[in-house]
C-alpha cells in the first residue's frame, strides 16, 4: 500500500515586499515542466500571490495619484518634491503584513527546474527542505 504524507494547507503572515520579490521566480517555476501535484500546488500559490500583487498595484497607483501631478498627455507622475513622501508611503505599504495560504513545496519536488540562487532565496518562505 502506498502511503503519502498528507500535505496541509499552510497560512503564513508575510510582508508585501516578500510577495513582490517572489513574483519573477514564481513565473519562472510556473513555466517549468513539473510533476502534476507540484504544478497544482504552485498554481494555487500563484493565484494567492497574484491576488496580493493586484492589491499592491492598486495601492501603488493611488499613491502615485496622491503624490503626483497629471501632465498634458494625461499621465500621472510623482513630482520630484513629492518623491520622499511617496517613497515613505510606498515603503510603509510594502512593509504591511498579509496572510497567504499555500501548499508548502519540498525542494526535491521542483526536480530539474533551472533556478538561480536568487530564485531559491525568493521562494524560500514557500518551500521546505528535506527532513
N, C-alpha and C. Protein backbone atom coordinates (compact mmCIF):
# COMPACT_ATOMS: atom_id res chain seq x y z
N UNK A 1 0.83 -1.18 0.00
CA UNK A 1 0.00 0.00 0.00
C UNK A 1 0.88 1.25 0.00
N UNK A 2 0.65 2.15 -0.92
CA UNK A 2 1.40 3.40 -0.99
C UNK A 2 0.90 4.37 0.06
N UNK A 3 1.82 4.86 0.84
CA UNK A 3 1.44 5.87 1.83
C UNK A 3 2.13 7.18 1.47
N UNK A 4 1.36 8.21 1.37
CA UNK A 4 1.91 9.54 1.13
C UNK A 4 1.66 10.38 2.36
N UNK A 5 2.64 11.25 2.62
CA UNK A 5 2.43 12.18 3.71
C UNK A 5 1.35 13.16 3.29
N UNK A 6 0.49 13.50 4.22
CA UNK A 6 -0.56 14.46 3.94
C UNK A 6 0.06 15.85 3.86
N UNK A 7 -0.26 16.55 2.82
CA UNK A 7 0.25 17.91 2.64
C UNK A 7 -0.84 18.86 3.10
N UNK A 8 -0.53 19.63 4.10
CA UNK A 8 -1.51 20.55 4.65
C UNK A 8 -1.40 21.93 4.04
N UNK A 9 -2.50 22.59 4.03
CA UNK A 9 -2.54 23.97 3.60
C UNK A 9 -1.94 24.81 4.72
N UNK A 10 -0.99 25.64 4.37
CA UNK A 10 -0.30 26.48 5.35
C UNK A 10 -0.75 27.92 5.14
N UNK A 11 -0.96 28.64 6.22
CA UNK A 11 -1.25 30.06 6.13
C UNK A 11 -0.13 30.78 6.86
N UNK A 12 0.54 31.68 6.14
CA UNK A 12 1.65 32.43 6.70
C UNK A 12 1.37 33.91 6.65
N UNK A 13 1.87 34.61 7.63
CA UNK A 13 1.83 36.06 7.61
C UNK A 13 3.18 36.53 7.08
N UNK A 14 3.14 37.26 5.98
CA UNK A 14 4.37 37.77 5.36
C UNK A 14 4.15 39.22 4.94
N UNK A 15 5.24 39.90 4.69
CA UNK A 15 5.17 41.29 4.25
C UNK A 15 4.96 41.35 2.74
N UNK A 16 4.31 42.42 2.32
CA UNK A 16 4.03 42.59 0.89
C UNK A 16 5.31 42.63 0.07
N UNK A 17 6.39 43.13 0.63
CA UNK A 17 7.65 43.17 -0.10
C UNK A 17 8.11 41.75 -0.46
N UNK A 18 7.80 40.78 0.40
CA UNK A 18 8.13 39.38 0.10
C UNK A 18 7.27 38.86 -1.03
N UNK A 19 6.02 39.29 -1.08
CA UNK A 19 5.12 38.90 -2.17
C UNK A 19 5.69 39.41 -3.50
N UNK A 20 6.10 40.66 -3.49
CA UNK A 20 6.64 41.28 -4.71
C UNK A 20 7.93 40.58 -5.15
N UNK A 21 8.77 40.20 -4.20
CA UNK A 21 10.06 39.60 -4.55
C UNK A 21 9.92 38.19 -5.13
N UNK A 22 8.86 37.48 -4.80
CA UNK A 22 8.69 36.11 -5.29
C UNK A 22 8.10 36.07 -6.70
N UNK A 23 7.56 37.18 -7.16
CA UNK A 23 6.83 37.21 -8.43
C UNK A 23 7.62 36.62 -9.60
N UNK A 24 8.80 37.13 -9.91
CA UNK A 24 9.55 36.67 -11.08
C UNK A 24 10.00 35.22 -10.95
N UNK A 25 10.40 34.84 -9.76
CA UNK A 25 10.84 33.45 -9.54
C UNK A 25 9.67 32.48 -9.71
N UNK A 26 8.51 32.89 -9.26
CA UNK A 26 7.32 32.06 -9.39
C UNK A 26 6.92 31.91 -10.85
N UNK A 27 7.02 32.98 -11.61
CA UNK A 27 6.72 32.91 -13.05
C UNK A 27 7.66 31.91 -13.73
N UNK A 28 8.92 31.95 -13.35
CA UNK A 28 9.90 31.02 -13.92
C UNK A 28 9.51 29.58 -13.59
N UNK A 29 9.12 29.34 -12.35
CA UNK A 29 8.72 27.99 -11.95
C UNK A 29 7.45 27.53 -12.65
N UNK A 30 6.51 28.44 -12.83
CA UNK A 30 5.25 28.09 -13.46
C UNK A 30 5.42 27.67 -14.92
N UNK A 31 6.51 28.11 -15.55
CA UNK A 31 6.74 27.74 -16.95
C UNK A 31 7.64 26.51 -17.08
N UNK A 32 7.90 25.84 -15.97
CA UNK A 32 8.74 24.65 -15.95
C UNK A 32 7.85 23.41 -15.87
N UNK A 33 8.25 22.36 -16.60
CA UNK A 33 7.52 21.09 -16.50
C UNK A 33 7.83 20.46 -15.15
N UNK A 34 6.79 20.25 -14.37
CA UNK A 34 6.93 19.68 -13.03
C UNK A 34 5.91 18.57 -12.86
N UNK A 35 6.12 17.71 -11.87
CA UNK A 35 5.10 16.68 -11.59
C UNK A 35 3.75 17.36 -11.32
N UNK A 36 2.68 16.70 -11.68
CA UNK A 36 1.34 17.29 -11.63
C UNK A 36 0.97 17.82 -10.24
N UNK A 37 1.31 17.09 -9.19
CA UNK A 37 0.97 17.55 -7.84
C UNK A 37 1.71 18.83 -7.49
N UNK A 38 2.96 18.89 -7.87
CA UNK A 38 3.77 20.09 -7.61
C UNK A 38 3.24 21.26 -8.44
N UNK A 39 2.92 21.00 -9.69
CA UNK A 39 2.37 22.06 -10.55
C UNK A 39 1.06 22.59 -9.99
N UNK A 40 0.24 21.70 -9.48
CA UNK A 40 -1.04 22.11 -8.88
C UNK A 40 -0.79 23.01 -7.68
N UNK A 41 0.10 22.59 -6.80
CA UNK A 41 0.40 23.39 -5.60
C UNK A 41 0.96 24.75 -5.98
N UNK A 42 1.83 24.77 -6.98
CA UNK A 42 2.39 26.05 -7.43
C UNK A 42 1.32 26.95 -8.03
N UNK A 43 0.37 26.36 -8.75
CA UNK A 43 -0.69 27.18 -9.34
C UNK A 43 -1.56 27.80 -8.27
N UNK A 44 -1.81 27.07 -7.18
CA UNK A 44 -2.59 27.63 -6.06
C UNK A 44 -1.82 28.77 -5.40
N UNK A 45 -0.53 28.58 -5.22
CA UNK A 45 0.31 29.65 -4.66
C UNK A 45 0.31 30.86 -5.58
N UNK A 46 0.43 30.61 -6.87
CA UNK A 46 0.46 31.72 -7.85
C UNK A 46 -0.83 32.53 -7.80
N UNK A 47 -1.96 31.87 -7.63
CA UNK A 47 -3.23 32.59 -7.55
C UNK A 47 -3.28 33.49 -6.31
N UNK A 48 -2.79 32.98 -5.19
CA UNK A 48 -2.75 33.79 -3.97
C UNK A 48 -1.82 34.99 -4.14
N UNK A 49 -0.66 34.73 -4.72
CA UNK A 49 0.33 35.80 -4.93
C UNK A 49 -0.22 36.83 -5.91
N UNK A 50 -0.86 36.38 -6.99
CA UNK A 50 -1.40 37.29 -7.98
C UNK A 50 -2.44 38.23 -7.37
N UNK A 51 -3.28 37.68 -6.52
CA UNK A 51 -4.31 38.48 -5.85
C UNK A 51 -3.66 39.59 -5.02
N UNK A 52 -2.64 39.26 -4.26
CA UNK A 52 -1.95 40.26 -3.45
C UNK A 52 -1.22 41.27 -4.33
N UNK A 53 -0.62 40.80 -5.42
CA UNK A 53 0.07 41.72 -6.34
C UNK A 53 -0.89 42.73 -6.96
N UNK A 54 -2.11 42.29 -7.25
CA UNK A 54 -3.12 43.20 -7.78
C UNK A 54 -3.47 44.27 -6.76
N UNK A 55 -3.57 43.88 -5.48
CA UNK A 55 -3.84 44.86 -4.43
C UNK A 55 -2.68 45.84 -4.27
N UNK A 56 -1.46 45.31 -4.31
CA UNK A 56 -0.28 46.18 -4.21
C UNK A 56 -0.30 47.21 -5.32
N UNK A 57 -0.56 46.77 -6.54
CA UNK A 57 -0.56 47.69 -7.69
C UNK A 57 -1.65 48.74 -7.55
N UNK A 58 -2.81 48.34 -7.09
CA UNK A 58 -3.92 49.29 -6.89
C UNK A 58 -3.50 50.39 -5.90
N UNK A 59 -2.89 50.00 -4.81
CA UNK A 59 -2.47 50.99 -3.82
C UNK A 59 -1.29 51.82 -4.31
N UNK A 60 -0.38 51.22 -5.10
CA UNK A 60 0.74 51.99 -5.67
C UNK A 60 0.21 53.08 -6.59
N UNK A 61 -0.76 52.73 -7.42
CA UNK A 61 -1.36 53.71 -8.33
C UNK A 61 -2.01 54.84 -7.54
N UNK A 62 -2.71 54.49 -6.47
CA UNK A 62 -3.32 55.52 -5.62
C UNK A 62 -2.27 56.43 -5.00
N UNK A 63 -1.13 55.87 -4.62
CA UNK A 63 -0.05 56.69 -4.07
C UNK A 63 0.54 57.62 -5.13
N UNK A 64 0.66 57.13 -6.35
CA UNK A 64 1.15 57.98 -7.44
C UNK A 64 0.19 59.14 -7.65
N UNK A 65 -1.10 58.86 -7.65
CA UNK A 65 -2.10 59.92 -7.80
C UNK A 65 -2.02 60.92 -6.65
N UNK A 66 -1.83 60.40 -5.44
CA UNK A 66 -1.77 61.25 -4.25
C UNK A 66 -0.55 62.18 -4.30
N UNK A 67 0.59 61.67 -4.74
CA UNK A 67 1.84 62.43 -4.70
C UNK A 67 2.26 62.98 -6.06
N UNK A 68 1.42 62.79 -7.07
CA UNK A 68 1.82 63.19 -8.41
C UNK A 68 0.97 64.28 -9.00
N UNK A 69 1.33 64.62 -10.19
CA UNK A 69 0.57 65.58 -10.98
C UNK A 69 0.32 64.97 -12.36
N UNK A 70 -0.71 65.44 -13.01
CA UNK A 70 -1.06 64.95 -14.34
C UNK A 70 -0.40 65.85 -15.38
N UNK A 71 0.32 65.23 -16.32
CA UNK A 71 0.95 66.02 -17.38
C UNK A 71 -0.05 66.26 -18.51
N UNK A 72 0.38 66.98 -19.55
CA UNK A 72 -0.52 67.34 -20.64
C UNK A 72 -0.96 66.14 -21.50
N UNK A 73 -0.34 64.98 -21.31
CA UNK A 73 -0.75 63.76 -22.01
C UNK A 73 -1.68 62.90 -21.15
N UNK A 74 -1.99 63.38 -19.95
CA UNK A 74 -2.89 62.65 -19.07
C UNK A 74 -2.21 61.64 -18.17
N UNK A 75 -0.87 61.58 -18.21
CA UNK A 75 -0.12 60.66 -17.36
C UNK A 75 0.12 61.29 -15.99
N UNK A 76 0.00 60.48 -14.95
CA UNK A 76 0.28 60.96 -13.60
C UNK A 76 1.67 60.51 -13.20
N UNK A 77 2.47 61.46 -12.77
CA UNK A 77 3.83 61.17 -12.34
C UNK A 77 4.09 61.81 -10.99
N UNK A 78 4.87 61.13 -10.17
CA UNK A 78 5.25 61.69 -8.88
C UNK A 78 6.24 62.82 -9.14
N UNK A 79 5.96 63.95 -8.53
CA UNK A 79 6.83 65.11 -8.71
C UNK A 79 8.08 64.94 -7.85
N UNK A 80 9.21 65.48 -8.30
CA UNK A 80 10.45 65.33 -7.53
C UNK A 80 10.32 65.80 -6.08
N UNK A 81 9.59 66.89 -5.86
CA UNK A 81 9.45 67.38 -4.48
C UNK A 81 8.58 66.46 -3.62
N UNK A 82 7.73 65.65 -4.26
CA UNK A 82 6.88 64.71 -3.51
C UNK A 82 7.46 63.30 -3.44
N UNK A 83 8.60 63.09 -4.10
CA UNK A 83 9.20 61.76 -4.14
C UNK A 83 9.53 61.21 -2.75
N UNK A 84 10.12 62.00 -1.84
CA UNK A 84 10.38 61.45 -0.50
C UNK A 84 9.10 60.97 0.22
N UNK A 85 8.02 61.73 0.11
CA UNK A 85 6.77 61.34 0.75
C UNK A 85 6.19 60.08 0.08
N UNK A 86 6.28 60.03 -1.25
CA UNK A 86 5.83 58.84 -1.98
C UNK A 86 6.63 57.62 -1.53
N UNK A 87 7.96 57.75 -1.50
CA UNK A 87 8.82 56.63 -1.10
C UNK A 87 8.50 56.15 0.31
N UNK A 88 8.23 57.08 1.22
CA UNK A 88 7.89 56.71 2.59
C UNK A 88 6.56 55.94 2.61
N UNK A 89 5.55 56.47 1.92
CA UNK A 89 4.25 55.80 1.89
C UNK A 89 4.36 54.42 1.21
N UNK A 90 5.13 54.35 0.14
CA UNK A 90 5.28 53.08 -0.57
C UNK A 90 6.02 52.07 0.31
N UNK A 91 7.04 52.53 1.02
CA UNK A 91 7.76 51.66 1.94
C UNK A 91 6.84 51.15 3.05
N UNK A 92 6.01 52.05 3.58
CA UNK A 92 5.03 51.63 4.59
C UNK A 92 4.09 50.57 4.03
N UNK A 93 3.64 50.77 2.81
CA UNK A 93 2.76 49.79 2.16
C UNK A 93 3.46 48.44 2.03
N UNK A 94 4.69 48.46 1.52
CA UNK A 94 5.39 47.20 1.25
C UNK A 94 5.79 46.47 2.53
N UNK A 95 5.83 47.17 3.64
CA UNK A 95 6.13 46.53 4.93
C UNK A 95 4.87 46.07 5.66
N UNK A 96 3.72 46.25 5.02
CA UNK A 96 2.46 45.78 5.58
C UNK A 96 2.41 44.27 5.49
N UNK A 97 1.88 43.65 6.53
CA UNK A 97 1.77 42.19 6.54
C UNK A 97 0.44 41.74 5.95
N UNK A 98 0.46 40.59 5.33
CA UNK A 98 -0.75 39.97 4.81
C UNK A 98 -0.64 38.47 5.07
N UNK A 99 -1.73 37.78 4.89
CA UNK A 99 -1.72 36.33 5.04
C UNK A 99 -1.88 35.67 3.68
N UNK A 100 -1.08 34.65 3.46
CA UNK A 100 -1.12 33.89 2.22
C UNK A 100 -1.26 32.42 2.59
N UNK A 101 -2.20 31.75 1.94
CA UNK A 101 -2.39 30.32 2.15
C UNK A 101 -1.84 29.57 0.95
N UNK A 102 -1.11 28.50 1.22
CA UNK A 102 -0.49 27.73 0.14
C UNK A 102 -0.11 26.35 0.63
N UNK A 103 0.19 25.47 -0.32
CA UNK A 103 0.70 24.15 0.00
C UNK A 103 2.22 24.25 -0.08
N UNK A 104 2.89 23.95 1.01
CA UNK A 104 4.35 24.01 1.03
C UNK A 104 4.91 22.99 0.04
N UNK A 105 5.95 23.37 -0.66
CA UNK A 105 6.55 22.53 -1.68
C UNK A 105 7.95 22.15 -1.23
N UNK A 106 8.25 20.88 -1.29
CA UNK A 106 9.58 20.41 -0.92
C UNK A 106 10.53 20.68 -2.10
N UNK A 107 11.74 21.06 -1.75
CA UNK A 107 12.72 21.40 -2.77
C UNK A 107 12.88 20.28 -3.80
N UNK A 108 12.91 19.03 -3.38
CA UNK A 108 13.10 17.93 -4.33
C UNK A 108 11.94 17.83 -5.33
N UNK A 109 10.77 18.35 -4.97
CA UNK A 109 9.62 18.29 -5.87
C UNK A 109 9.78 19.22 -7.06
N UNK A 110 10.75 20.11 -6.99
CA UNK A 110 11.00 21.03 -8.11
C UNK A 110 11.84 20.38 -9.20
N UNK A 111 12.30 19.16 -8.94
CA UNK A 111 13.01 18.38 -9.95
C UNK A 111 14.20 19.11 -10.52
N UNK A 112 14.26 19.15 -11.84
CA UNK A 112 15.38 19.75 -12.55
C UNK A 112 15.11 21.19 -12.95
N UNK A 113 14.19 21.85 -12.27
CA UNK A 113 13.88 23.25 -12.59
C UNK A 113 15.16 24.07 -12.50
N UNK A 114 15.39 24.89 -13.49
CA UNK A 114 16.58 25.74 -13.54
C UNK A 114 16.30 27.03 -12.78
N UNK A 115 16.83 27.12 -11.58
CA UNK A 115 16.61 28.29 -10.73
C UNK A 115 17.95 28.85 -10.29
N UNK A 116 18.01 30.16 -10.23
CA UNK A 116 19.21 30.81 -9.72
C UNK A 116 19.19 30.80 -8.20
N UNK A 117 20.31 31.17 -7.61
CA UNK A 117 20.36 31.27 -6.15
C UNK A 117 19.36 32.32 -5.66
N UNK A 118 19.18 33.39 -6.44
CA UNK A 118 18.21 34.42 -6.08
C UNK A 118 16.78 33.86 -6.12
N UNK A 119 16.48 33.04 -7.12
CA UNK A 119 15.16 32.41 -7.19
C UNK A 119 14.90 31.55 -5.95
N UNK A 120 15.88 30.77 -5.58
CA UNK A 120 15.75 29.91 -4.40
C UNK A 120 15.52 30.77 -3.16
N UNK A 121 16.27 31.84 -3.05
CA UNK A 121 16.10 32.76 -1.91
C UNK A 121 14.70 33.36 -1.91
N UNK A 122 14.21 33.76 -3.08
CA UNK A 122 12.88 34.38 -3.19
C UNK A 122 11.75 33.43 -2.80
N UNK A 123 11.86 32.16 -3.16
CA UNK A 123 10.77 31.21 -2.88
C UNK A 123 10.96 30.48 -1.55
N UNK A 124 12.02 30.82 -0.84
CA UNK A 124 12.37 30.12 0.40
C UNK A 124 11.21 30.01 1.39
N UNK A 125 10.43 31.04 1.55
CA UNK A 125 9.33 31.02 2.51
C UNK A 125 8.19 30.10 2.11
N UNK A 126 8.20 29.63 0.88
CA UNK A 126 7.11 28.78 0.38
C UNK A 126 7.55 27.35 0.13
N UNK A 127 8.81 27.07 0.42
CA UNK A 127 9.33 25.73 0.20
C UNK A 127 9.84 25.15 1.51
N UNK A 128 10.14 23.88 1.45
CA UNK A 128 10.65 23.20 2.64
C UNK A 128 11.79 22.29 2.21
N UNK A 129 12.86 22.31 2.99
CA UNK A 129 13.96 21.39 2.71
C UNK A 129 13.58 20.02 3.23
N UNK A 130 14.32 19.03 2.78
CA UNK A 130 14.03 17.66 3.19
C UNK A 130 14.26 17.50 4.69
N UNK A 131 13.50 16.62 5.27
CA UNK A 131 13.62 16.37 6.73
C UNK A 131 14.59 15.27 7.02
